[in-house]
Amino acid sequence: MKGDRLMIQLTEEELLSYIKSSESDLNTLAEIHKLLVENNMKCSIDEIRQKIAPLHRDGYLGNEPTVDGVNMYYIIYYPEYDKESVIT
């Protein structure tokens, strides 16, 4: 598809933004994958895991496992700022 982006081009902030735009507060990896595909983002399951793991480890995403073992991710912190106002 024309206009598709690769997962490697996606920043952590953009990924958090896509997750935040979800209708649900809790999302599985499959639901996150669906959000990305709907937004013309080409990605594999492994690429999603590789992007989500550091966000979870660093405290931006939380993980709430369900009774049947499915990991549900939720946003703990989303850095909302204007990129132009960041001090360099």
PDB file of N, CA and C in Angstrom:
ATOM      1  N   MET A   1       0.830  -1.189   0.000  1.00  0.00           N
ATOM      2  CA  MET A   1       0.000   0.000   0.000  1.00  0.00           C
ATOM      3  C   MET A   1       0.873   1.250   0.000  1.00  0.00           C
ATOM      4  N   LYS A   2       0.472   2.222  -0.762  1.00  0.00           N
ATOM      5  CA  LYS A   2       1.190   3.476  -0.790  1.00  0.00           C
ATOM      6  C   LYS A   2       0.977   4.205   0.530  1.00  0.00           C
ATOM      7  N   GLY A   3       2.039   4.801   1.059  1.00  0.00           N
ATOM      8  CA  GLY A   3       1.923   5.536   2.306  1.00  0.00           C
ATOM      9  C   GLY A   3       2.171   4.692   3.544  1.00  0.00           C
ATOM     10  N   ASP A   4       2.400   3.402   3.373  1.00  0.00           N
ATOM     11  CA  ASP A   4       2.683   2.552   4.517  1.00  0.00           C
ATOM     12  C   ASP A   4       4.023   2.930   5.132  1.00  0.00           C
ATOM     13  N   ARG A   5       4.105   2.852   6.445  1.00  0.00           N
ATOM     14  CA  ARG A   5       5.360   3.072   7.159  1.00  0.00           C
ATOM     15  C   ARG A   5       5.801   1.747   7.744  1.00  0.00           C
ATOM     16  N   LEU A   6       7.085   1.612   7.937  1.00  0.00           N
ATOM     17  CA  LEU A   6       7.629   0.413   8.563  1.00  0.00           C
ATOM     18  C   LEU A   6       7.706   0.631  10.065  1.00  0.00           C
ATOM     19  N   MET A   7       7.582  -0.456  10.819  1.00  0.00           N
ATOM     20  CA  MET A   7       7.617  -0.391  12.277  1.00  0.00           C
ATOM     21  C   MET A   7       8.917   0.231  12.773  1.00  0.00           C
ATOM     22  N   ILE A   8      10.006  -0.028  12.076  1.00  0.00           N
ATOM     23  CA  ILE A   8      11.302   0.508  12.499  1.00  0.00           C
ATOM     24  C   ILE A   8      11.317   2.036  12.482  1.00  0.00           C
ATOM     25  N   GLN A   9      10.450   2.645  11.668  1.00  0.00           N
ATOM     26  CA  GLN A   9      10.369   4.103  11.571  1.00  0.00           C
ATOM     27  C   GLN A   9       9.531   4.717  12.693  1.00  0.00           C
ATOM     28  N   LEU A  10       8.819   3.900  13.431  1.00  0.00           N
ATOM     29  CA  LEU A  10       7.909   4.370  14.465  1.00  0.00           C
ATOM     30  C   LEU A  10       8.673   4.668  15.758  1.00  0.00           C
ATOM     31  N   THR A  11       8.514   5.883  16.274  1.00  0.00           N
ATOM     32  CA  THR A  11       9.153   6.214  17.549  1.00  0.00           C
ATOM     33  C   THR A  11       8.315   5.656  18.703  1.00  0.00           C
ATOM     34  N   GLU A  12       8.920   5.601  19.874  1.00  0.00           N
ATOM     35  CA  GLU A  12       8.192   5.129  21.051  1.00  0.00           C
ATOM     36  C   GLU A  12       7.024   6.064  21.359  1.00  0.00           C
ATOM     37  N   GLU A  13       7.234   7.374  21.187  1.00  0.00           N
ATOM     38  CA  GLU A  13       6.170   8.336  21.444  1.00  0.00           C
ATOM     39  C   GLU A  13       4.991   8.131  20.498  1.00  0.00           C
ATOM     40  N   GLU A  14       5.288   7.835  19.222  1.00  0.00           N
ATOM     41  CA  GLU A  14       4.220   7.579  18.258  1.00  0.00           C
ATOM     42  C   GLU A  14       3.464   6.305  18.611  1.00  0.00           C
ATOM     43  N   LEU A  15       4.185   5.271  19.030  1.00  0.00           N
ATOM     44  CA  LEU A  15       3.532   4.023  19.426  1.00  0.00           C
ATOM     45  C   LEU A  15       2.611   4.269  20.616  1.00  0.00           C
ATOM     46  N   LEU A  16       3.096   5.003  21.612  1.00  0.00           N
ATOM     47  CA  LEU A  16       2.246   5.328  22.753  1.00  0.00           C
ATOM     48  C   LEU A  16       1.018   6.121  22.320  1.00  0.00           C
ATOM     49  N   SER A  17       1.191   7.001  21.355  1.00  0.00           N
ATOM     50  CA  SER A  17       0.079   7.790  20.846  1.00  0.00           C
ATOM     51  C   SER A  17      -0.980   6.897  20.198  1.00  0.00           C
ATOM     52  N   TYR A  18      -0.532   5.914  19.401  1.00  0.00           N
ATOM     53  CA  TYR A  18      -1.481   4.971  18.789  1.00  0.00           C
ATOM     54  C   TYR A  18      -2.220   4.185  19.865  1.00  0.00           C
ATOM     55  N   ILE A  19      -1.501   3.719  20.870  1.00  0.00           N
ATOM     56  CA  ILE A  19      -2.128   2.942  21.945  1.00  0.00           C
ATOM     57  C   ILE A  19      -3.131   3.820  22.695  1.00  0.00           C
ATOM     58  N   LYS A  20      -2.734   5.073  22.954  1.00  0.00           N
ATOM     59  CA  LYS A  20      -3.619   5.991  23.674  1.00  0.00           C
ATOM     60  C   LYS A  20      -4.899   6.271  22.883  1.00  0.00           C
ATOM     61  N   SER A  21      -4.815   6.234  21.557  1.00  0.00           N
ATOM     62  CA  SER A  21      -5.982   6.512  20.717  1.00  0.00           C
ATOM     63  C   SER A  21      -6.989   5.368  20.696  1.00  0.00           C
ATOM     64  N   SER A  22      -6.625   4.249  21.280  1.00  0.00           N
ATOM     65  CA  SER A  22      -7.513   3.093  21.321  1.00  0.00           C
ATOM     66  C   SER A  22      -8.775   3.403  22.116  1.00  0.00           C
ATOM     67  N   GLU A  23      -9.865   2.753  21.757  1.00  0.00           N
ATOM     68  CA  GLU A  23     -11.118   2.941  22.480  1.00  0.00           C
ATOM     69  C   GLU A  23     -11.078   2.293  23.856  1.00  0.00           C
ATOM     70  N   SER A  24     -10.157   1.367  24.059  1.00  0.00           N
ATOM     71  CA  SER A  24     -10.045   0.642  25.320  1.00  0.00           C
ATOM     72  C   SER A  24      -8.832   1.121  26.112  1.00  0.00           C
ATOM     73  N   ASP A  25      -8.921   1.024  27.426  1.00  0.00           N
ATOM     74  CA  ASP A  25      -7.771   1.361  28.278  1.00  0.00           C
ATOM     75  C   ASP A  25      -6.780   0.208  28.355  1.00  0.00           C
ATOM     76  N   LEU A  26      -7.251  -1.019  28.119  1.00  0.00           N
ATOM     77  CA  LEU A  26      -6.407  -2.215  28.140  1.00  0.00           C
ATOM     78  C   LEU A  26      -6.374  -2.826  26.747  1.00  0.00           C
ATOM     79  N   ASN A  27      -5.173  -3.140  26.261  1.00  0.00           N
ATOM     80  CA  ASN A  27      -5.021  -3.696  24.916  1.00  0.00           C
ATOM     81  C   ASN A  27      -4.062  -4.876  24.904  1.00  0.00           C
ATOM     82  N   THR A  28      -4.420  -5.896  24.164  1.00  0.00           N
ATOM     83  CA  THR A  28      -3.503  -7.016  23.937  1.00  0.00           C
ATOM     84  C   THR A  28      -2.540  -6.617  22.822  1.00  0.00           C
ATOM     85  N   LEU A  29      -1.489  -7.407  22.629  1.00  0.00           N
ATOM     86  CA  LEU A  29      -0.579  -7.155  21.508  1.00  0.00           C
ATOM     87  C   LEU A  29      -1.339  -7.224  20.193  1.00  0.00           C
ATOM     88  N   ALA A  30      -2.289  -8.154  20.092  1.00  0.00           N
ATOM     89  CA  ALA A  30      -3.079  -8.286  18.864  1.00  0.00           C
ATOM     90  C   ALA A  30      -3.897  -7.017  18.598  1.00  0.00           C
ATOM     91  N   GLU A  31      -4.460  -6.422  19.640  1.00  0.00           N
ATOM     92  CA  GLU A  31      -5.236  -5.193  19.462  1.00  0.00           C
ATOM     93  C   GLU A  31      -4.327  -4.029  19.061  1.00  0.00           C
ATOM     94  N   ILE A  32      -3.126  -3.972  19.631  1.00  0.00           N
ATOM     95  CA  ILE A  32      -2.157  -2.947  19.253  1.00  0.00           C
ATOM     96  C   ILE A  32      -1.745  -3.148  17.800  1.00  0.00           C
ATOM     97  N   HIS A  33      -1.529  -4.403  17.411  1.00  0.00           N
ATOM     98  CA  HIS A  33      -1.177  -4.725  16.026  1.00  0.00           C
ATOM     99  C   HIS A  33      -2.272  -4.220  15.087  1.00  0.00           C
ATOM    100  N   LYS A  34      -3.521  -4.486  15.430  1.00  0.00           N
ATOM    101  CA  LYS A  34      -4.654  -4.057  14.612  1.00  0.00           C
ATOM    102  C   LYS A  34      -4.687  -2.534  14.481  1.00  0.00           C
ATOM    103  N   LEU A  35      -4.452  -1.807  15.581  1.00  0.00           N
ATOM    104  CA  LEU A  35      -4.407  -0.341  15.539  1.00  0.00           C
ATOM    105  C   LEU A  35      -3.350   0.155  14.555  1.00  0.00           C
ATOM    106  N   LEU A  36      -2.184  -0.478  14.597  1.00  0.00           N
ATOM    107  CA  LEU A  36      -1.092  -0.067  13.718  1.00  0.00           C
ATOM    108  C   LEU A  36      -1.417  -0.346  12.256  1.00  0.00           C
ATOM    109  N   VAL A  37      -1.966  -1.524  11.977  1.00  0.00           N
ATOM    110  CA  VAL A  37      -2.326  -1.878  10.599  1.00  0.00           C
ATOM    111  C   VAL A  37      -3.396  -0.916  10.075  1.00  0.00           C
ATOM    112  N   GLU A  38      -4.364  -0.575  10.910  1.00  0.00           N
ATOM    113  CA  GLU A  38      -5.411   0.372  10.517  1.00  0.00           C
ATOM    114  C   GLU A  38      -4.840   1.756  10.197  1.00  0.00           C
ATOM    115  N   ASN A  39      -3.665   2.046  10.737  1.00  0.00           N
ATOM    116  CA  ASN A  39      -3.007   3.329  10.493  1.00  0.00           C
ATOM    117  C   ASN A  39      -1.849   3.194   9.503  1.00  0.00           C
ATOM    118  N   ASN A  40      -1.962   2.184   8.627  1.00  0.00           N
ATOM    119  CA  ASN A  40      -0.995   1.963   7.535  1.00  0.00           C
ATOM    120  C   ASN A  40       0.430   1.720   8.007  1.00  0.00           C
ATOM    121  N   MET A  41       0.572   1.015   9.129  1.00  0.00           N
ATOM    122  CA  MET A  41       1.884   0.685   9.666  1.00  0.00           C
ATOM    123  C   MET A  41       2.150  -0.792   9.399  1.00  0.00           C
ATOM    124  N   LYS A  42       3.180  -1.084   8.620  1.00  0.00           N
ATOM    125  CA  LYS A  42       3.545  -2.470   8.349  1.00  0.00           C
ATOM    126  C   LYS A  42       4.410  -2.976   9.501  1.00  0.00           C
ATOM    127  N   CYS A  43       3.987  -4.087  10.109  1.00  0.00           N
ATOM    128  CA  CYS A  43       4.754  -4.624  11.228  1.00  0.00           C
ATOM    129  C   CYS A  43       4.445  -6.100  11.426  1.00  0.00           C
ATOM    130  N   SER A  44       5.434  -6.769  11.981  1.00  0.00           N
ATOM    131  CA  SER A  44       5.255  -8.181  12.327  1.00  0.00           C
ATOM    132  C   SER A  44       4.955  -8.273  13.825  1.00  0.00           C
ATOM    133  N   ILE A  45       4.507  -9.425  14.246  1.00  0.00           N
ATOM    134  CA  ILE A  45       4.234  -9.651  15.666  1.00  0.00           C
ATOM    135  C   ILE A  45       5.508  -9.466  16.477  1.00  0.00           C
ATOM    136  N   ASP A  46       6.616  -9.989  15.969  1.00  0.00           N
ATOM    137  CA  ASP A  46       7.889  -9.873  16.683  1.00  0.00           C
ATOM    138  C   ASP A  46       8.325  -8.415  16.817  1.00  0.00           C
ATOM    139  N   GLU A  47       8.102  -7.614  15.777  1.00  0.00           N
ATOM    140  CA  GLU A  47       8.459  -6.194  15.849  1.00  0.00           C
ATOM    141  C   GLU A  47       7.653  -5.472  16.919  1.00  0.00           C
ATOM    142  N   ILE A  48       6.385  -5.820  17.044  1.00  0.00           N
ATOM    143  CA  ILE A  48       5.546  -5.210  18.079  1.00  0.00           C
ATOM    144  C   ILE A  48       6.070  -5.586  19.456  1.00  0.00           C
ATOM    145  N   ARG A  49       6.371  -6.865  19.646  1.00  0.00           N
ATOM    146  CA  ARG A  49       6.928  -7.305  20.933  1.00  0.00           C
ATOM    147  C   ARG A  49       8.200  -6.543  21.277  1.00  0.00           C
ATOM    148  N   GLN A  50       9.063  -6.343  20.279  1.00  0.00           N
ATOM    149  CA  GLN A  50      10.331  -5.652  20.510  1.00  0.00           C
ATOM    150  C   GLN A  50      10.133  -4.178  20.867  1.00  0.00           C
ATOM    151  N   LYS A  51       9.080  -3.554  20.377  1.00  0.00           N
ATOM    152  CA  LYS A  51       8.787  -2.151  20.713  1.00  0.00           C
ATOM    153  C   LYS A  51       8.078  -2.031  22.070  1.00  0.00           C
ATOM    154  N   ILE A  52       7.209  -2.988  22.376  1.00  0.00           N
ATOM    155  CA  ILE A  52       6.427  -2.935  23.613  1.00  0.00           C
ATOM    156  C   ILE A  52       7.288  -3.259  24.840  1.00  0.00           C
ATOM    157  N   ALA A  53       8.162  -4.237  24.735  1.00  0.00           N
ATOM    158  CA  ALA A  53       8.956  -4.692  25.885  1.00  0.00           C
ATOM    159  C   ALA A  53       9.725  -3.565  26.577  1.00  0.00           C
ATOM    160  N   PRO A  54      10.468  -2.720  25.858  1.00  0.00           N
ATOM    161  CA  PRO A  54      11.179  -1.646  26.560  1.00  0.00           C
ATOM    162  C   PRO A  54      10.244  -0.605  27.180  1.00  0.00           C
ATOM    163  N   LEU A  55       9.104  -0.348  26.542  1.00  0.00           N
ATOM    164  CA  LEU A  55       8.146   0.594  27.118  1.00  0.00           C
ATOM    165  C   LEU A  55       7.568   0.049  28.424  1.00  0.00           C
ATOM    166  N   HIS A  56       7.361  -1.249  28.482  1.00  0.00           N
ATOM    167  CA  HIS A  56       6.888  -1.885  29.715  1.00  0.00           C
ATOM    168  C   HIS A  56       7.991  -1.871  30.764  1.00  0.00           C
ATOM    169  N   ARG A  57       9.183  -2.260  30.362  1.00  0.00           N
ATOM    170  CA  ARG A  57      10.329  -2.313  31.283  1.00  0.00           C
ATOM    171  C   ARG A  57      10.642  -0.936  31.868  1.00  0.00           C
ATOM    172  N   ASP A  58      10.503   0.112  31.047  1.00  0.00           N
ATOM    173  CA  ASP A  58      10.847   1.462  31.488  1.00  0.00           C
ATOM    174  C   ASP A  58       9.698   2.187  32.192  1.00  0.00           C
ATOM    175  N   GLY A  59       8.550   1.526  32.317  1.00  0.00           N
ATOM    176  CA  GLY A  59       7.455   2.075  33.101  1.00  0.00           C
ATOM    177  C   GLY A  59       6.452   2.938  32.353  1.00  0.00           C
ATOM    178  N   TYR A  60       6.526   2.973  31.036  1.00  0.00           N
ATOM    179  CA  TYR A  60       5.543   3.733  30.271  1.00  0.00           C
ATOM    180  C   TYR A  60       4.262   2.940  30.075  1.00  0.00           C
ATOM    181  N   LEU A  61       4.383   1.618  29.997  1.00  0.00           N
ATOM    182  CA  LEU A  61       3.235   0.717  29.874  1.00  0.00           C
ATOM    183  C   LEU A  61       3.179  -0.219  31.062  1.00  0.00           C
ATOM    184  N   GLY A  62       1.980  -0.482  31.523  1.00  0.00           N
ATOM    185  CA  GLY A  62       1.770  -1.489  32.547  1.00  0.00           C
ATOM    186  C   GLY A  62       1.228  -2.750  31.903  1.00  0.00           C
ATOM    187  N   ASN A  63       1.269  -3.841  32.646  1.00  0.00           N
ATOM    188  CA  ASN A  63       0.815  -5.132  32.136  1.00  0.00           C
ATOM    189  C   ASN A  63      -0.109  -5.757  33.161  1.00  0.00           C
ATOM    190  N   GLU A  64      -1.299  -6.098  32.743  1.00  0.00           N
ATOM    191  CA  GLU A  64      -2.294  -6.742  33.606  1.00  0.00           C
ATOM    192  C   GLU A  64      -2.658  -8.085  32.978  1.00  0.00           C
ATOM    193  N   PRO A  65      -2.017  -9.178  33.447  1.00  0.00           N
ATOM    194  CA  PRO A  65      -2.350 -10.489  32.883  1.00  0.00           C
ATOM    195  C   PRO A  65      -3.763 -10.909  33.290  1.00  0.00           C
ATOM    196  N   THR A  66      -4.483 -11.501  32.350  1.00  0.00           N
ATOM    197  CA  THR A  66      -5.822 -12.012  32.636  1.00  0.00           C
ATOM    198  C   THR A  66      -5.705 -13.401  33.255  1.00  0.00           C
ATOM    199  N   VAL A  67      -6.818 -13.934  33.699  1.00  0.00           N
ATOM    200  CA  VAL A  67      -6.856 -15.258  34.317  1.00  0.00           C
ATOM    201  C   VAL A  67      -6.337 -16.334  33.364  1.00  0.00           C
ATOM    202  N   ASP A  68      -6.611 -16.166  32.069  1.00  0.00           N
ATOM    203  CA  ASP A  68      -6.167 -17.174  31.097  1.00  0.00           C
ATOM    204  C   ASP A  68      -4.774 -16.887  30.530  1.00  0.00           C
ATOM    205  N   GLY A  69      -4.061 -15.904  31.111  1.00  0.00           N
ATOM    206  CA  GLY A  69      -2.672 -15.671  30.735  1.00  0.00           C
ATOM    207  C   GLY A  69      -2.432 -14.657  29.629  1.00  0.00           C
ATOM    208  N   VAL A  70      -3.474 -14.016  29.147  1.00  0.00           N
ATOM    209  CA  VAL A  70      -3.304 -13.000  28.101  1.00  0.00           C
ATOM    210  C   VAL A  70      -2.801 -11.707  28.747  1.00  0.00           C
ATOM    211  N   ASN A  71      -1.746 -11.128  28.177  1.00  0.00           N
ATOM    212  CA  ASN A  71      -1.196  -9.875  28.695  1.00  0.00           C
ATOM    213  C   ASN A  71      -1.964  -8.692  28.130  1.00  0.00           C
ATOM    214  N   MET A  72      -2.507  -7.890  29.019  1.00  0.00           N
ATOM    215  CA  MET A  72      -3.230  -6.680  28.643  1.00  0.00           C
ATOM    216  C   MET A  72      -2.350  -5.492  29.035  1.00  0.00           C
ATOM    217  N   TYR A  73      -2.046  -4.638  28.076  1.00  0.00           N
ATOM    218  CA  TYR A  73      -1.171  -3.500  28.319  1.00  0.00           C
ATOM    219  C   TYR A  73      -1.991  -2.229  28.471  1.00  0.00           C
ATOM    220  N   TYR A  74      -1.531  -1.334  29.341  1.00  0.00           N
ATOM    221  CA  TYR A  74      -2.179  -0.052  29.540  1.00  0.00           C
ATOM    222  C   TYR A  74      -1.110   1.016  29.723  1.00  0.00           C
ATOM    223  N   ILE A  75      -1.463   2.233  29.411  1.00  0.00           N
ATOM    224  CA  ILE A  75      -0.513   3.345  29.506  1.00  0.00           C
ATOM    225  C   ILE A  75      -0.416   3.829  30.949  1.00  0.00           C
ATOM    226  N   ILE A  76       0.806   3.875  31.452  1.00  0.00           N
ATOM    227  CA  ILE A  76       1.073   4.450  32.769  1.00  0.00           C
ATOM    228  C   ILE A  76       1.398   5.933  32.606  1.00  0.00           C
ATOM    229  N   TYR A  77       2.248   6.225  31.616  1.00  0.00           N
ATOM    230  CA  TYR A  77       2.645   7.609  31.380  1.00  0.00           C
ATOM    231  C   TYR A  77       2.804   7.846  29.889  1.00  0.00           C
ATOM    232  N   TYR A  78       2.185   8.918  29.413  1.00  0.00           N
ATOM    233  CA  TYR A  78       2.307   9.319  28.018  1.00  0.00           C
ATOM    234  C   TYR A  78       2.833  10.746  27.996  1.00  0.00           C
ATOM    235  N   PRO A  79       4.062  10.932  27.516  1.00  0.00           N
ATOM    236  CA  PRO A  79       4.659  12.279  27.532  1.00  0.00           C
ATOM    237  C   PRO A  79       4.031  13.176  26.458  1.00  0.00           C
ATOM    238  N   GLU A  80       3.036  13.929  26.844  1.00  0.00           N
ATOM    239  CA  GLU A  80       2.365  14.834  25.907  1.00  0.00           C
ATOM    240  C   GLU A  80       3.099  16.159  25.916  1.00  0.00           C
ATOM    241  N   TYR A  81       3.781  16.434  24.826  1.00  0.00           N
ATOM    242  CA  TYR A  81       4.478  17.712  24.714  1.00  0.00           C
ATOM    243  C   TYR A  81       4.618  18.067  23.239  1.00  0.00           C
ATOM    244  N   ASP A  82       4.818  19.313  23.015  1.00  0.00           N
ATOM    245  CA  ASP A  82       5.046  19.820  21.671  1.00  0.00           C
ATOM    246  C   ASP A  82       6.530  19.673  21.380  1.00  0.00           C
ATOM    247  N   LYS A  83       6.868  18.932  20.332  1.00  0.00           N
ATOM    248  CA  LYS A  83       8.268  18.668  20.021  1.00  0.00           C
ATOM    249  C   LYS A  83       9.064  19.957  19.829  1.00  0.00           C
ATOM    250  N   GLU A  84       8.432  21.022  19.356  1.00  0.00           N
ATOM    251  CA  GLU A  84       9.149  22.276  19.141  1.00  0.00           C
ATOM    252  C   GLU A  84       9.491  22.985  20.438  1.00  0.00           C
ATOM    253  N   SER A  85       8.781  22.664  21.514  1.00  0.00           N
ATOM    254  CA  SER A  85       9.028  23.350  22.783  1.00  0.00           C
ATOM    255  C   SER A  85      10.047  22.614  23.653  1.00  0.00           C
ATOM    256  N   VAL A  86      10.566  21.496  23.197  1.00  0.00           N
ATOM    257  CA  VAL A  86      11.541  20.732  23.968  1.00  0.00           C
ATOM    258  C   VAL A  86      12.884  21.456  23.940  1.00  0.00           C
ATOM    259  N   ILE A  87      13.502  21.579  25.083  1.00  0.00           N
ATOM    260  CA  ILE A  87      14.811  22.237  25.188  1.00  0.00           C
ATOM    261  C   ILE A  87      15.862  21.275  24.659  1.00  0.00           C
ATOM    262  N   THR A  88      16.711  21.766  23.761  1.00  0.00           N
ATOM    263  CA  THR A  88      17.774  20.923  23.201  1.00  0.00           C
ATOM    264  C   THR A  88      19.121  21.306  23.735  1.00  0.00           C
TER     265      THR A  88
END
